[in-house]
Protein backbone atom coordinates (compact mmCIF):
# COMPACT_ATOMS: atom_id res chain seq x y z
CA MET A 1 14.64 -22.10 5.71
CA ALA A 2 11.55 -24.26 6.30
CA SER A 3 8.31 -22.48 7.19
CA GLY A 4 8.32 -24.10 10.65
CA THR A 5 11.78 -22.69 11.36
CA GLN A 6 10.70 -19.29 10.05
CA MET A 7 7.71 -19.31 12.40
CA GLU A 8 9.95 -20.22 15.35
CA LEU A 9 12.22 -17.28 14.56
CA ILE A 10 9.25 -14.91 14.27
CA ARG A 11 7.91 -16.27 17.56
CA ALA A 12 11.29 -15.62 19.23
CA TRP A 13 11.27 -12.01 18.02
CA SER A 14 7.72 -11.64 19.38
CA ARG A 15 8.38 -12.63 22.98
CA ASP A 16 9.69 -9.30 24.25
CA ILE A 17 6.44 -7.50 23.35
CA GLY A 18 4.00 -10.33 24.08
CA HIS A 19 2.98 -10.62 20.44
CA VAL A 20 1.06 -13.83 19.64
CA VAL A 21 1.97 -15.58 16.40
CA ASP A 22 -0.90 -17.07 14.40
CA THR A 23 0.36 -20.36 12.96
CA ALA A 24 -2.63 -20.51 10.60
CA ASN A 25 -1.07 -17.70 8.57
CA SER A 26 1.94 -17.90 6.26
CA PRO A 27 5.38 -16.91 7.62
CA LYS A 28 5.42 -13.76 5.49
CA ALA A 29 1.97 -12.72 6.68
CA GLU A 30 3.11 -13.23 10.28
CA PHE A 31 6.30 -11.30 9.57
CA ALA A 32 4.11 -8.39 8.42
CA ARG A 33 1.99 -8.59 11.58
CA LEU A 34 5.07 -8.66 13.79
CA ALA A 35 6.66 -5.80 11.84
CA LYS A 36 3.58 -3.67 12.50
CA ALA A 37 3.64 -4.55 16.20
CA LYS A 38 7.36 -3.78 16.42
CA GLY A 39 7.09 -0.56 14.44
CA TRP A 40 9.36 -1.67 11.60
CA GLU A 41 8.68 0.36 8.48
CA GLY A 42 8.51 -1.46 5.16
CA GLY A 43 11.93 -1.53 3.52
CA ASN A 44 13.91 0.16 6.31
CA GLU A 45 17.20 -1.26 7.63
CA THR A 46 15.67 -3.31 10.44
CA TRP A 47 12.96 -4.71 8.18
CA ARG A 48 15.50 -5.73 5.54
CA SER A 49 17.94 -7.36 7.95
CA ARG A 50 15.20 -9.34 9.72
CA TRP A 51 13.69 -10.38 6.39
CA LYS A 52 17.04 -11.70 5.16
CA GLU A 53 17.66 -13.55 8.43
CA CYS A 54 14.23 -15.16 8.33
CA PHE A 55 13.72 -15.91 4.63
CA LYS A 56 17.37 -16.15 3.47
CA GLU A 57 16.81 -13.69 0.65
CA GLU A 58 17.35 -10.01 0.05
CA TYR A 59 14.27 -7.83 0.43
CA PRO A 60 14.10 -6.02 -2.93
CA TYR A 61 11.17 -3.69 -2.22
CA GLY A 62 10.15 -0.89 0.09
CA GLN A 63 12.39 2.07 -0.70
CA CYS A 64 12.13 4.35 -3.71
CA ARG A 65 15.14 3.59 -5.88
CA ARG A 66 17.03 6.72 -6.85
CA LEU A 67 18.37 7.22 -10.32
CA ALA A 68 22.05 7.90 -10.71
CA GLY A 69 22.49 11.67 -10.90
CA ARG A 70 23.57 11.67 -14.52
CA ASN A 71 20.72 9.49 -15.76
CA LYS A 72 18.15 11.49 -13.81
CA ALA A 73 19.51 14.75 -15.21
CA GLU A 74 19.29 13.33 -18.73
CA ALA A 75 15.70 12.26 -18.15
CA LEU A 76 14.77 15.73 -16.90
CA GLU A 77 16.52 17.40 -19.84
CA ASP A 78 14.46 15.26 -22.20
CA GLY A 79 11.32 16.37 -20.39
CA GLY A 80 10.57 12.77 -19.49
CA ILE A 81 9.69 11.12 -16.21
CA HIS A 82 11.56 8.01 -15.18
CA LEU A 83 8.92 5.44 -14.29
CA GLU A 84 11.11 3.70 -11.71
CA ASP A 85 11.01 6.86 -9.59
CA ARG A 86 7.24 7.10 -9.73
CA MET A 87 5.64 3.70 -10.09
CA ARG A 88 3.84 2.03 -7.24
CA ARG A 89 4.46 -1.37 -8.76
CA LEU A 90 4.48 -3.05 -12.16
CA SER A 91 1.72 -5.49 -12.90
CA ILE A 92 2.89 -9.04 -12.27
CA ILE A 93 0.50 -10.23 -14.96
CA SER A 94 1.91 -8.49 -18.03
CA ASP A 95 5.08 -6.65 -18.99
CA THR A 96 2.94 -4.18 -20.94
CA SER A 97 0.47 -3.40 -18.17
CA SER A 98 0.23 0.18 -16.99
CA PHE A 99 1.83 1.38 -13.79
CA SER A 100 -0.34 2.11 -10.78
CA VAL A 101 1.18 5.13 -9.08
CA ILE A 102 1.02 5.48 -5.32
CA SER A 103 1.39 8.89 -3.80
CA ARG A 104 4.47 9.49 -1.67
CA ALA A 105 4.83 11.42 1.56
CA ASP A 106 7.79 12.63 3.60
CA SER A 107 6.11 12.04 6.97
CA LEU A 108 3.09 10.49 8.62
CA ASP A 109 1.77 13.98 9.27
CA SER A 110 1.52 14.66 5.56
CA VAL A 111 -0.54 11.50 5.18
CA ARG A 112 -2.73 12.41 8.15
CA SER A 113 -3.33 15.83 6.56
CA PHE A 114 -5.73 14.09 4.19
CA ASP A 115 -7.83 12.88 7.12
CA SER A 116 -10.40 15.66 7.29
CA HIS A 117 -13.02 16.37 9.96
CA GLU A 118 -15.69 15.36 7.47
CA SER A 119 -17.06 11.84 7.49
CA PHE A 120 -15.15 9.15 5.63
CA GLU A 121 -18.25 8.50 3.58
CA ASP A 122 -17.98 12.08 2.28
CA LEU A 123 -14.35 11.42 1.41
CA GLY A 124 -15.32 8.20 -0.33
CA ALA A 125 -17.90 9.98 -2.43
CA ALA A 126 -15.49 12.77 -3.30
CA VAL A 127 -12.81 10.42 -4.58
CA ASP A 128 -15.34 8.29 -6.44
CA VAL A 129 -14.81 5.14 -4.41
CA PRO A 130 -17.76 2.78 -4.88
CA VAL A 131 -19.98 2.83 -1.78
CA SER A 132 -23.23 1.34 -3.05
CA LEU A 133 -22.48 -2.31 -3.86
CA ASN A 134 -24.05 -4.29 -6.66
CA PRO A 135 -24.72 -7.83 -5.35
CA ALA A 136 -23.42 -9.18 -8.63
CA SER A 137 -20.08 -7.56 -7.87
CA VAL A 138 -19.60 -9.50 -4.62
CA SER A 139 -18.05 -12.92 -5.10
CA GLU A 140 -18.85 -16.05 -3.12
CA THR A 141 -15.80 -15.30 -0.95
CA ASN A 142 -17.30 -11.90 -0.10
CA GLU A 143 -14.71 -10.04 -2.18
CA TYR A 144 -15.97 -6.81 -3.68
CA LYS A 145 -15.10 -6.48 -7.37
CA ASP A 146 -15.16 -3.05 -8.94
CA PRO A 147 -16.91 -3.80 -12.28
CA ILE A 148 -14.77 -1.28 -14.16
CA GLU A 149 -11.57 -2.39 -12.46
CA SER A 150 -12.40 -6.04 -13.10
CA GLU A 151 -12.80 -5.41 -16.81
CA ARG A 152 -9.57 -3.44 -17.01
CA LYS A 153 -7.30 -5.81 -15.08
CA PRO A 154 -7.20 -9.60 -14.75
CA SER A 155 -8.05 -10.90 -11.29
CA LEU A 156 -5.34 -12.48 -9.16
CA SER A 157 -5.59 -15.70 -7.22
CA SER A 158 -3.86 -15.92 -3.84
CA SER A 159 -1.09 -18.00 -5.42
CA GLU A 160 -0.38 -15.18 -7.85
CA CYS A 161 -0.06 -12.49 -5.18
CA LYS A 162 3.68 -12.31 -4.74
CA ALA A 163 6.02 -10.49 -2.41
CA ASP A 164 6.11 -7.27 -4.44
CA SER A 165 3.11 -5.89 -2.56
CA ASN A 166 2.77 -4.34 0.87
CA PRO A 167 2.59 -7.21 3.43
CA ALA A 168 0.23 -5.13 5.59
CA TRP A 169 -2.65 -6.30 3.39
CA ALA A 170 -1.88 -9.91 4.36
CA GLU A 171 -2.85 -9.19 7.98
CA PHE A 172 -6.55 -9.27 7.11
CA THR A 173 -8.32 -12.62 6.97
CA ASN A 174 -10.80 -13.46 4.19
CA PHE A 175 -9.16 -10.87 1.94
CA VAL A 176 -6.85 -11.49 -1.03
CA HIS A 177 -4.99 -8.35 -2.08
CA SER A 178 -4.56 -7.58 -5.77
CA PRO A 179 -1.18 -5.81 -6.22
CA THR A 180 -2.30 -4.32 -9.56
CA ALA A 181 -5.43 -2.62 -8.20
CA HIS A 182 -5.60 1.02 -7.13
CA PHE A 183 -5.22 1.66 -3.41
CA LYS A 184 -8.59 3.31 -2.93
CA SER A 185 -10.57 0.52 -4.61
CA GLU A 186 -8.68 -2.13 -2.64
CA PHE A 187 -9.33 -0.29 0.61
CA GLU A 188 -13.03 0.06 -0.15
CA ARG A 189 -13.25 -3.65 -0.92
CA LEU A 190 -11.49 -4.48 2.36
CA ALA A 191 -13.69 -2.06 4.32
CA HIS A 192 -16.79 -3.75 2.90
CA ILE A 193 -15.54 -7.21 3.92
CA LYS A 194 -14.63 -6.01 7.43
CA ASN A 195 -17.78 -3.87 7.83
CA TRP A 196 -15.74 -0.78 8.74
CA THR A 197 -17.67 2.48 9.06
CA GLY A 198 -17.19 5.95 10.53
CA ASN A 199 -14.11 6.54 12.69
CA VAL A 200 -12.93 2.93 12.45
CA LYS A 201 -12.93 3.14 8.67
CA ARG A 202 -11.12 6.48 8.73
CA GLN A 203 -8.44 5.19 11.12
CA GLN A 204 -7.87 2.07 9.05
CA PHE A 205 -7.61 4.23 5.93
CA VAL A 206 -4.88 6.40 7.47
CA SER A 207 -3.05 3.37 8.84
CA LEU A 208 -3.03 1.44 5.57
CA LEU A 209 -2.19 4.45 3.43
CA SER A 210 0.71 5.32 5.77
CA SER A 211 1.93 1.73 5.51
CA GLU A 212 1.60 1.79 1.72
CA VAL A 213 3.61 5.01 1.41
CA ALA A 214 6.32 3.74 3.77
CA PHE A 215 6.54 0.39 1.96
CA TYR A 216 6.89 1.70 -1.57
CA TRP A 217 8.67 4.99 -1.10
CA GLY A 218 10.14 5.50 2.36
CA THR A 219 11.12 9.16 2.63
CA ASP A 220 12.72 9.56 -0.80
CA GLY A 221 11.59 11.80 -3.63
CA ASP A 222 10.64 15.39 -4.26
CA LYS A 223 8.30 16.69 -1.56
CA LEU A 224 5.95 18.66 -3.81
CA GLU A 225 5.69 15.78 -6.25
CA GLN A 226 4.94 13.41 -3.36
CA HIS A 227 2.01 15.49 -2.18
CA GLN A 228 0.70 16.07 -5.71
CA GLU A 229 0.78 12.33 -6.42
CA MET A 230 -1.06 11.79 -3.14
CA CYS A 231 -3.80 14.13 -4.35
CA ARG A 232 -4.02 12.36 -7.70
CA ASP A 233 -4.16 8.91 -6.14
CA LEU A 234 -7.02 10.02 -3.91
CA GLY A 235 -8.98 11.28 -6.91
CA LEU A 236 -8.52 15.05 -6.68
CA THR A 237 -9.09 16.76 -10.03
CA HIS A 238 -7.51 20.12 -9.17
CA ILE A 239 -3.92 19.49 -8.06
CA PRO A 240 -2.45 22.23 -5.78
CA GLY A 241 0.82 23.85 -6.80
CA THR A 242 2.53 23.96 -3.40
CA VAL A 243 3.16 21.56 -0.52
CA THR A 244 1.26 23.89 1.84
CA GLN A 245 -1.81 23.90 -0.40
CA CYS A 246 -1.67 20.10 -0.69
CA LYS A 247 -1.59 19.72 3.10
CA LYS A 248 -4.65 21.97 3.45
CA VAL A 249 -6.75 19.87 1.09
CA ARG A 250 -10.05 18.81 2.58
CA PHE A 251 -12.21 16.26 0.77
């Protein structure tokens, strides 16, 4: 389906809620914006059916793929962890690149539990997200580059950013999402570009993290493991042993 036809279909789906389609964006970016406005969660049944209708292809991402019971049991008996059940996404640059694991959550409340009453700047410091920016680390397009992250992973051009990343990132102008980067460094880079501070920054953090969890994992997986991975991905060094303790974490 041509991009013009895709845009017309997205525009038709938008009319009942008064959503305005931005023709300057790509069809997939506009699909992501409409999905957010409509409340479609990444990878759920509605999202998948609309995606197929619009782009004439199956949507292969968004829900944690379960292992067949026998294979999963064998993996557990061997003491191993099946990467397909835990990875956020595989680097699209190299087959040998490491996996970047995103924490999983069984509800929005469990994501919101990480939103403490302390300032977001305190949270940022606690999880070692860069706050003080080196001018040399800001490109001409105003993209913040974590010096360590830049050395560890090759940068991606916009043409290399493919559909195996959360489309919610595509909603933001003047920002090119790197699917191989860690969530917290990507969010800090975006916050710098958008000049988010205080409550606005905190709200955007919760919104994007919720979207990220829903896109990659849905509601599948072991609940304790979900919360523990959430703690790890946010930089916690001491990982609680129960779901209740994880939910009470304050940064």
